[in-house]
Structures are given as structure tokens and as C-alpha cells.
């Protein structure tokens, strides 16, 4: 199932909360799908960048999520915001972006630590596959590797050396075997199910 999160696509809302409330949204989506009999399990979460962060957060708070695959998740939101500015919007004054990142917790009415990924992986026992892109200035391999070392549950970490942050999901040849193997091992998904769709 692909979900338009709040502030995205056809969903309501004009604000992104960087995971502070979206994990609860995903829990409610799963509640609704299970109530309708559309999902019975197993459940796994997979995402890239912010989507990877949300998969990690959801896995940390919902025991029904039996496996997580996170591609290029950032560890600290403020650091990722500055890296995005440095990579894609150098014309924006860096000080302005730093000031905006500092104000974000106040604007969203969440604690500053609630916007970072590290606190969630340290308490998550959900089996987690973390994938870094070798040429990623936003969620660098050392950053994703640090998240892997902090995971409380089973974890596997790999790097797709030639990928960049925005291209990592398209490295299907490199990702197919480890992702399907992880989902099969921890969420009971069958590889032949994916290959026949």
C-alpha cells in the first residue's frame, strides 16, 4: 500500500511534521485497513529519505510492523535540512535556513528531539534493514551506519556505493535481493509474490 501522508498528494493538511505525528497517521491507516479486512499481516514498512525515517518511527511505536526497510534515512533533521540547502539551494542564505530549522519545533509544537531519528531507533526492536547511498550528502553512509549501530533489534546495514540520495530507490538490481530477503526473513513475505506482480 502506498500512502499519501498529510500535506502530500490527495491527503488533507498543508503541513509536514517530519514524523512527529505521521507515525500515528500510519497506525490509524493500518487500523482502518485491518478493520475492513483488507490487511491481515504480515506488515512491513519501507521508505526513502523522509519515508525511511517514517518507516523507522512507525516500526518503533507499532508492534504490528514486523520489518522495516529504510533507504537513506537522516539522523538529525536540522543537519539534513542544511545539507539539502547546500546540495540543491545554495542561493538561500545558510543563516536563514539554520534559523528556520531552529524554529521548526516551535512552529510544529513538538520537542526538538522529536524531529530526530536517533531516539526512535535506539528503542526499536523491529528488524531493520538500513541502506545508504555512497554519494549522499544528506544521509551519508557514516550517518546511516550510526543509525544501524544504535538499533536495538536485528539490523543489517548496506551501502550502494554509486548511488546518490535521490537515485537510491532506482538501484533495483542492487536492492532486490537484500530487500526481498529481509522481508521474507522477518515479515514472512515470499519472494515469488513480488516477482509475479
C-alpha atoms as a PDB file:
ATOM      1  CA  UNK A   1       0.000   0.000   0.000  1.00  0.00           C
ATOM      2  CA  UNK A   2       1.315   3.443  -0.903  1.00  0.00           C
ATOM      3  CA  UNK A   3       0.049   6.227   1.340  1.00  0.00           C
ATOM      4  CA  UNK A   4      -0.180   9.958   0.655  1.00  0.00           C
ATOM      5  CA  UNK A   5       0.871  11.408   4.004  1.00  0.00           C
ATOM      6  CA  UNK A   6      -0.625  14.625   5.343  1.00  0.00           C
ATOM      7  CA  UNK A   7       0.455  17.542   3.215  1.00  0.00           C
ATOM      8  CA  UNK A   8       1.173  15.239   0.262  1.00  0.00           C
ATOM      9  CA  UNK A   9      -0.819  14.184  -2.809  1.00  0.00           C
ATOM     10  CA  UNK A  10      -4.539  13.820  -2.191  1.00  0.00           C
ATOM     11  CA  UNK A  11      -4.309  13.829   1.618  1.00  0.00           C
ATOM     12  CA  UNK A  12      -5.511  16.751   3.681  1.00  0.00           C
ATOM     13  CA  UNK A  13      -3.273  19.109   5.596  1.00  0.00           C
ATOM     14  CA  UNK A  14      -0.808  21.736   4.474  1.00  0.00           C
ATOM     15  CA  UNK A  15       1.995  20.937   6.885  1.00  0.00           C
ATOM     16  CA  UNK A  16       4.560  18.167   7.111  1.00  0.00           C
ATOM     17  CA  UNK A  17       5.507  17.205  10.672  1.00  0.00           C
ATOM     18  CA  UNK A  18       8.650  15.231   9.762  1.00  0.00           C
ATOM     19  CA  UNK A  19       7.386  12.166  11.598  1.00  0.00           C
ATOM     20  CA  UNK A  20       6.173  13.800  14.802  1.00  0.00           C
ATOM     21  CA  UNK A  21       2.554  12.861  14.005  1.00  0.00           C
ATOM     22  CA  UNK A  22       2.780  10.818  10.790  1.00  0.00           C
ATOM     23  CA  UNK A  23       3.640   7.549  12.573  1.00  0.00           C
ATOM     24  CA  UNK A  24       0.296   7.835  14.358  1.00  0.00           C
ATOM     25  CA  UNK A  25      -1.367   8.544  10.993  1.00  0.00           C
ATOM     26  CA  UNK A  26       0.141   5.322   9.624  1.00  0.00           C
ATOM     27  CA  UNK A  27      -1.048   3.413  12.677  1.00  0.00           C
ATOM     28  CA  UNK A  28      -4.576   4.695  12.007  1.00  0.00           C
ATOM     29  CA  UNK A  29      -4.341   3.721   8.329  1.00  0.00           C
ATOM     30  CA  UNK A  30      -3.395   0.189   9.381  1.00  0.00           C
ATOM     31  CA  UNK A  31      -6.209   0.104  11.970  1.00  0.00           C
ATOM     32  CA  UNK A  32      -8.699   1.053   9.244  1.00  0.00           C
ATOM     33  CA  UNK A  33      -7.345  -1.439   6.695  1.00  0.00           C
ATOM     34  CA  UNK A  34      -7.444  -4.251   9.273  1.00  0.00           C
ATOM     35  CA  UNK A  35     -10.983  -3.296  10.336  1.00  0.00           C
ATOM     36  CA  UNK A  36     -12.056  -3.524   6.684  1.00  0.00           C
ATOM     37  CA  UNK A  37     -10.358  -6.907   6.336  1.00  0.00           C
ATOM     38  CA  UNK A  38      -8.017  -5.598   3.631  1.00  0.00           C
ATOM     39  CA  UNK A  39      -4.845  -6.374   5.594  1.00  0.00           C
ATOM     40  CA  UNK A  40      -4.231  -9.275   7.900  1.00  0.00           C
ATOM     41  CA  UNK A  41      -0.469  -9.236   8.046  1.00  0.00           C
ATOM     42  CA  UNK A  42       2.367  -9.567   7.923  1.00  0.00           C
ATOM     43  CA  UNK A  43       3.104  -5.836   7.862  1.00  0.00           C
ATOM     44  CA  UNK A  44       6.383  -4.236   6.827  1.00  0.00           C
ATOM     45  CA  UNK A  45       7.254  -0.592   6.238  1.00  0.00           C
ATOM     46  CA  UNK A  46       9.617   0.710   3.583  1.00  0.00           C
ATOM     47  CA  UNK A  47      10.553   4.240   2.616  1.00  0.00           C
ATOM     48  CA  UNK A  48      13.287   6.505   1.284  1.00  0.00           C
ATOM     49  CA  UNK A  49      14.653   9.674   2.922  1.00  0.00           C
ATOM     50  CA  UNK A  50      11.777  11.126   4.989  1.00  0.00           C
ATOM     51  CA  UNK A  51       9.806   7.991   4.094  1.00  0.00           C
ATOM     52  CA  UNK A  52      12.617   5.880   5.548  1.00  0.00           C
ATOM     53  CA  UNK A  53      12.556   7.959   8.720  1.00  0.00           C
ATOM     54  CA  UNK A  54       8.799   7.443   8.970  1.00  0.00           C
ATOM     55  CA  UNK A  55       9.192   3.688   8.464  1.00  0.00           C
ATOM     56  CA  UNK A  56      11.728   3.637  11.326  1.00  0.00           C
ATOM     57  CA  UNK A  57       9.462   5.700  13.585  1.00  0.00           C
ATOM     58  CA  UNK A  58       6.387   3.606  12.791  1.00  0.00           C
ATOM     59  CA  UNK A  59       8.297   0.399  13.445  1.00  0.00           C
ATOM     60  CA  UNK A  60       9.385   1.783  16.813  1.00  0.00           C
ATOM     61  CA  UNK A  61       5.842   2.521  18.024  1.00  0.00           C
ATOM     62  CA  UNK A  62       3.627  -0.114  16.376  1.00  0.00           C
ATOM     63  CA  UNK A  63       4.352  -3.774  17.196  1.00  0.00           C
ATOM     64  CA  UNK A  64       2.338  -4.867  14.146  1.00  0.00           C
ATOM     65  CA  UNK A  65       5.186  -3.635  11.931  1.00  0.00           C
ATOM     66  CA  UNK A  66       7.359  -6.744  11.752  1.00  0.00           C
ATOM     67  CA  UNK A  67      10.125  -5.424   9.489  1.00  0.00           C
ATOM     68  CA  UNK A  68      11.456  -2.070   8.293  1.00  0.00           C
ATOM     69  CA  UNK A  69      13.469  -1.163   5.218  1.00  0.00           C
ATOM     70  CA  UNK A  70      14.824   2.401   5.390  1.00  0.00           C
ATOM     71  CA  UNK A  71      16.651   3.833   2.382  1.00  0.00           C
ATOM     72  CA  UNK A  72      18.816   6.900   3.090  1.00  0.00           C
ATOM     73  CA  UNK A  73      17.167   7.972   6.364  1.00  0.00           C
ATOM     74  CA  UNK A  74      18.613  11.071   8.021  1.00  0.00           C
ATOM     75  CA  UNK A  75      19.595  11.043  11.700  1.00  0.00           C
ATOM     76  CA  UNK A  76      19.078  14.697  12.637  1.00  0.00           C
ATOM     77  CA  UNK A  77      16.513  16.819  10.828  1.00  0.00           C
ATOM     78  CA  UNK A  78      18.334  20.158  11.201  1.00  0.00           C
ATOM     79  CA  UNK A  79      21.533  18.684   9.751  1.00  0.00           C
ATOM     80  CA  UNK A  80      19.576  17.153   6.843  1.00  0.00           C
ATOM     81  CA  UNK A  81      17.833  20.466   6.126  1.00  0.00           C
ATOM     82  CA  UNK A  82      21.180  22.254   5.897  1.00  0.00           C
ATOM     83  CA  UNK A  83      22.591  19.517   3.671  1.00  0.00           C
ATOM     84  CA  UNK A  84      19.579  19.837   1.348  1.00  0.00           C
ATOM     85  CA  UNK A  85      20.175  23.587   1.186  1.00  0.00           C
ATOM     86  CA  UNK A  86      23.861  23.029   0.448  1.00  0.00           C
ATOM     87  CA  UNK A  87      23.114  20.477  -2.275  1.00  0.00           C
ATOM     88  CA  UNK A  88      20.081  21.988  -4.019  1.00  0.00           C
ATOM     89  CA  UNK A  89      19.543  25.603  -2.941  1.00  0.00           C
ATOM     90  CA  UNK A  90      22.874  27.333  -2.336  1.00  0.00           C
ATOM     91  CA  UNK A  91      21.206  30.618  -3.288  1.00  0.00           C
ATOM     92  CA  UNK A  92      19.272  30.540   0.015  1.00  0.00           C
ATOM     93  CA  UNK A  93      21.211  32.260   2.794  1.00  0.00           C
ATOM     94  CA  UNK A  94      22.578  29.498   5.059  1.00  0.00           C
ATOM     95  CA  UNK A  95      21.876  31.547   8.203  1.00  0.00           C
ATOM     96  CA  UNK A  96      18.227  31.926   7.189  1.00  0.00           C
ATOM     97  CA  UNK A  97      17.881  28.160   6.719  1.00  0.00           C
ATOM     98  CA  UNK A  98      19.577  27.497  10.082  1.00  0.00           C
ATOM     99  CA  UNK A  99      17.223  29.943  11.806  1.00  0.00           C
ATOM    100  CA  UNK A 100      14.209  28.314  10.174  1.00  0.00           C
ATOM    101  CA  UNK A 101      15.395  24.837  11.249  1.00  0.00           C
ATOM    102  CA  UNK A 102      15.803  26.090  14.836  1.00  0.00           C
ATOM    103  CA  UNK A 103      12.228  27.465  14.804  1.00  0.00           C
ATOM    104  CA  UNK A 104      10.700  24.307  13.367  1.00  0.00           C
ATOM    105  CA  UNK A 105       9.969  22.574  16.716  1.00  0.00           C
ATOM    106  CA  UNK A 106       8.155  25.692  17.945  1.00  0.00           C
ATOM    107  CA  UNK A 107       6.157  26.055  14.716  1.00  0.00           C
ATOM    108  CA  UNK A 108       5.147  22.379  14.802  1.00  0.00           C
ATOM    109  CA  UNK A 109       4.622  22.408  18.600  1.00  0.00           C
ATOM    110  CA  UNK A 110       6.865  19.384  19.135  1.00  0.00           C
ATOM    111  CA  UNK A 111      10.013  18.897  21.217  1.00  0.00           C
ATOM    112  CA  UNK A 112      13.222  19.426  19.227  1.00  0.00           C
ATOM    113  CA  UNK A 113      14.385  15.853  19.856  1.00  0.00           C
ATOM    114  CA  UNK A 114      11.047  14.626  18.491  1.00  0.00           C
ATOM    115  CA  UNK A 115      12.154  15.606  14.983  1.00  0.00           C
ATOM    116  CA  UNK A 116      15.304  13.479  15.003  1.00  0.00           C
ATOM    117  CA  UNK A 117      15.570   9.786  14.126  1.00  0.00           C
ATOM    118  CA  UNK A 118      18.126   8.554  16.653  1.00  0.00           C
ATOM    119  CA  UNK A 119      15.819   8.422  19.701  1.00  0.00           C
ATOM    120  CA  UNK A 120      13.444   6.110  17.839  1.00  0.00           C
ATOM    121  CA  UNK A 121      15.946   3.571  16.560  1.00  0.00           C
ATOM    122  CA  UNK A 122      17.543   3.171  19.978  1.00  0.00           C
ATOM    123  CA  UNK A 123      14.284   1.869  21.408  1.00  0.00           C
ATOM    124  CA  UNK A 124      13.013  -0.066  18.389  1.00  0.00           C
ATOM    125  CA  UNK A 125      13.313  -3.844  18.393  1.00  0.00           C
ATOM    126  CA  UNK A 126      11.783  -4.123  14.915  1.00  0.00           C
ATOM    127  CA  UNK A 127      14.146  -5.885  12.480  1.00  0.00           C
ATOM    128  CA  UNK A 128      15.599  -3.097  10.352  1.00  0.00           C
ATOM    129  CA  UNK A 129      17.445  -3.024   7.036  1.00  0.00           C
ATOM    130  CA  UNK A 130      19.234   0.304   6.584  1.00  0.00           C
ATOM    131  CA  UNK A 131      20.564   1.238   3.155  1.00  0.00           C
ATOM    132  CA  UNK A 132      22.873   4.174   2.449  1.00  0.00           C
ATOM    133  CA  UNK A 133      23.828   5.754  -0.864  1.00  0.00           C
ATOM    134  CA  UNK A 134      27.574   6.021  -1.322  1.00  0.00           C
ATOM    135  CA  UNK A 135      27.414   9.582  -2.687  1.00  0.00           C
ATOM    136  CA  UNK A 136      24.810  11.046  -0.338  1.00  0.00           C
ATOM    137  CA  UNK A 137      25.459  14.411   1.322  1.00  0.00           C
ATOM    138  CA  UNK A 138      22.065  14.376   3.078  1.00  0.00           C
ATOM    139  CA  UNK A 139      22.087  10.937   4.744  1.00  0.00           C
ATOM    140  CA  UNK A 140      25.735   9.990   4.382  1.00  0.00           C
ATOM    141  CA  UNK A 141      26.943   6.405   4.837  1.00  0.00           C
ATOM    142  CA  UNK A 142      28.534   7.264   8.209  1.00  0.00           C
ATOM    143  CA  UNK A 143      25.212   8.769   9.356  1.00  0.00           C
ATOM    144  CA  UNK A 144      23.155   5.763   8.276  1.00  0.00           C
ATOM    145  CA  UNK A 145      25.829   3.472   9.725  1.00  0.00           C
ATOM    146  CA  UNK A 146      25.495   5.277  13.073  1.00  0.00           C
ATOM    147  CA  UNK A 147      21.743   4.645  12.995  1.00  0.00           C
ATOM    148  CA  UNK A 148      22.460   0.963  12.316  1.00  0.00           C
ATOM    149  CA  UNK A 149      24.746   0.758  15.359  1.00  0.00           C
ATOM    150  CA  UNK A 150      22.026   2.346  17.515  1.00  0.00           C
ATOM    151  CA  UNK A 151      19.243  -0.062  16.501  1.00  0.00           C
ATOM    152  CA  UNK A 152      18.082  -2.181  19.427  1.00  0.00           C
ATOM    153  CA  UNK A 153      16.710  -5.032  17.305  1.00  0.00           C
ATOM    154  CA  UNK A 154      18.107  -7.139  14.461  1.00  0.00           C
ATOM    155  CA  UNK A 155      19.755  -4.868  11.915  1.00  0.00           C
ATOM    156  CA  UNK A 156      21.548  -5.075   8.608  1.00  0.00           C
ATOM    157  CA  UNK A 157      23.379  -2.156   7.021  1.00  0.00           C
ATOM    158  CA  UNK A 158      24.482  -1.879   3.430  1.00  0.00           C
ATOM    159  CA  UNK A 159      25.800   0.791   1.096  1.00  0.00           C
ATOM    160  CA  UNK A 160      25.049   1.135  -2.607  1.00  0.00           C
ATOM    161  CA  UNK A 161      28.357   2.776  -3.463  1.00  0.00           C
ATOM    162  CA  UNK A 162      27.474   4.527  -6.725  1.00  0.00           C
ATOM    163  CA  UNK A 163      24.036   5.830  -5.675  1.00  0.00           C
ATOM    164  CA  UNK A 164      23.084   9.349  -4.641  1.00  0.00           C
ATOM    165  CA  UNK A 165      20.351  10.340  -2.196  1.00  0.00           C
ATOM    166  CA  UNK A 166      17.697  10.895  -4.857  1.00  0.00           C
ATOM    167  CA  UNK A 167      18.657   7.932  -7.061  1.00  0.00           C
ATOM    168  CA  UNK A 168      18.997   5.183  -4.432  1.00  0.00           C
ATOM    169  CA  UNK A 169      15.460   3.733  -4.881  1.00  0.00           C
ATOM    170  CA  UNK A 170      16.197   3.145  -8.568  1.00  0.00           C
ATOM    171  CA  UNK A 171      19.122   0.778  -7.942  1.00  0.00           C
ATOM    172  CA  UNK A 172      16.785  -2.172  -8.295  1.00  0.00           C
ATOM    173  CA  UNK A 173      19.451  -4.723  -9.238  1.00  0.00           C
ATOM    174  CA  UNK A 174      21.416  -3.967  -6.066  1.00  0.00           C
ATOM    175  CA  UNK A 175      18.372  -3.644  -3.784  1.00  0.00           C
ATOM    176  CA  UNK A 176      16.156  -6.515  -4.953  1.00  0.00           C
ATOM    177  CA  UNK A 177      17.903  -9.407  -3.212  1.00  0.00           C
ATOM    178  CA  UNK A 178      18.653  -7.747   0.150  1.00  0.00           C
ATOM    179  CA  UNK A 179      15.222  -6.094   0.435  1.00  0.00           C
ATOM    180  CA  UNK A 180      13.219  -9.161  -0.569  1.00  0.00           C
ATOM    181  CA  UNK A 181      15.427 -11.360   1.619  1.00  0.00           C
ATOM    182  CA  UNK A 182      14.842  -9.075   4.604  1.00  0.00           C
ATOM    183  CA  UNK A 183      11.081  -9.000   4.076  1.00  0.00           C
ATOM    184  CA  UNK A 184      10.981 -12.763   3.625  1.00  0.00           C
ATOM    185  CA  UNK A 185      13.044 -13.404   6.755  1.00  0.00           C
ATOM    186  CA  UNK A 186      11.233 -11.036   9.099  1.00  0.00           C
ATOM    187  CA  UNK A 187       7.782 -10.333   7.681  1.00  0.00           C
ATOM    188  CA  UNK A 188       7.063 -13.698   6.082  1.00  0.00           C
ATOM    189  CA  UNK A 189       6.788 -12.206   2.593  1.00  0.00           C
ATOM    190  CA  UNK A 190       7.512 -14.609  -0.269  1.00  0.00           C
ATOM    191  CA  UNK A 191       9.933 -13.569  -2.998  1.00  0.00           C
ATOM    192  CA  UNK A 192       7.713 -15.142  -5.672  1.00  0.00           C
ATOM    193  CA  UNK A 193       4.849 -12.856  -4.607  1.00  0.00           C
ATOM    194  CA  UNK A 194       6.877  -9.788  -5.521  1.00  0.00           C
ATOM    195  CA  UNK A 195       8.248 -11.195  -8.757  1.00  0.00           C
ATOM    196  CA  UNK A 196       4.785 -12.109 -10.064  1.00  0.00           C
ATOM    197  CA  UNK A 197       3.282  -8.639  -9.668  1.00  0.00           C
END
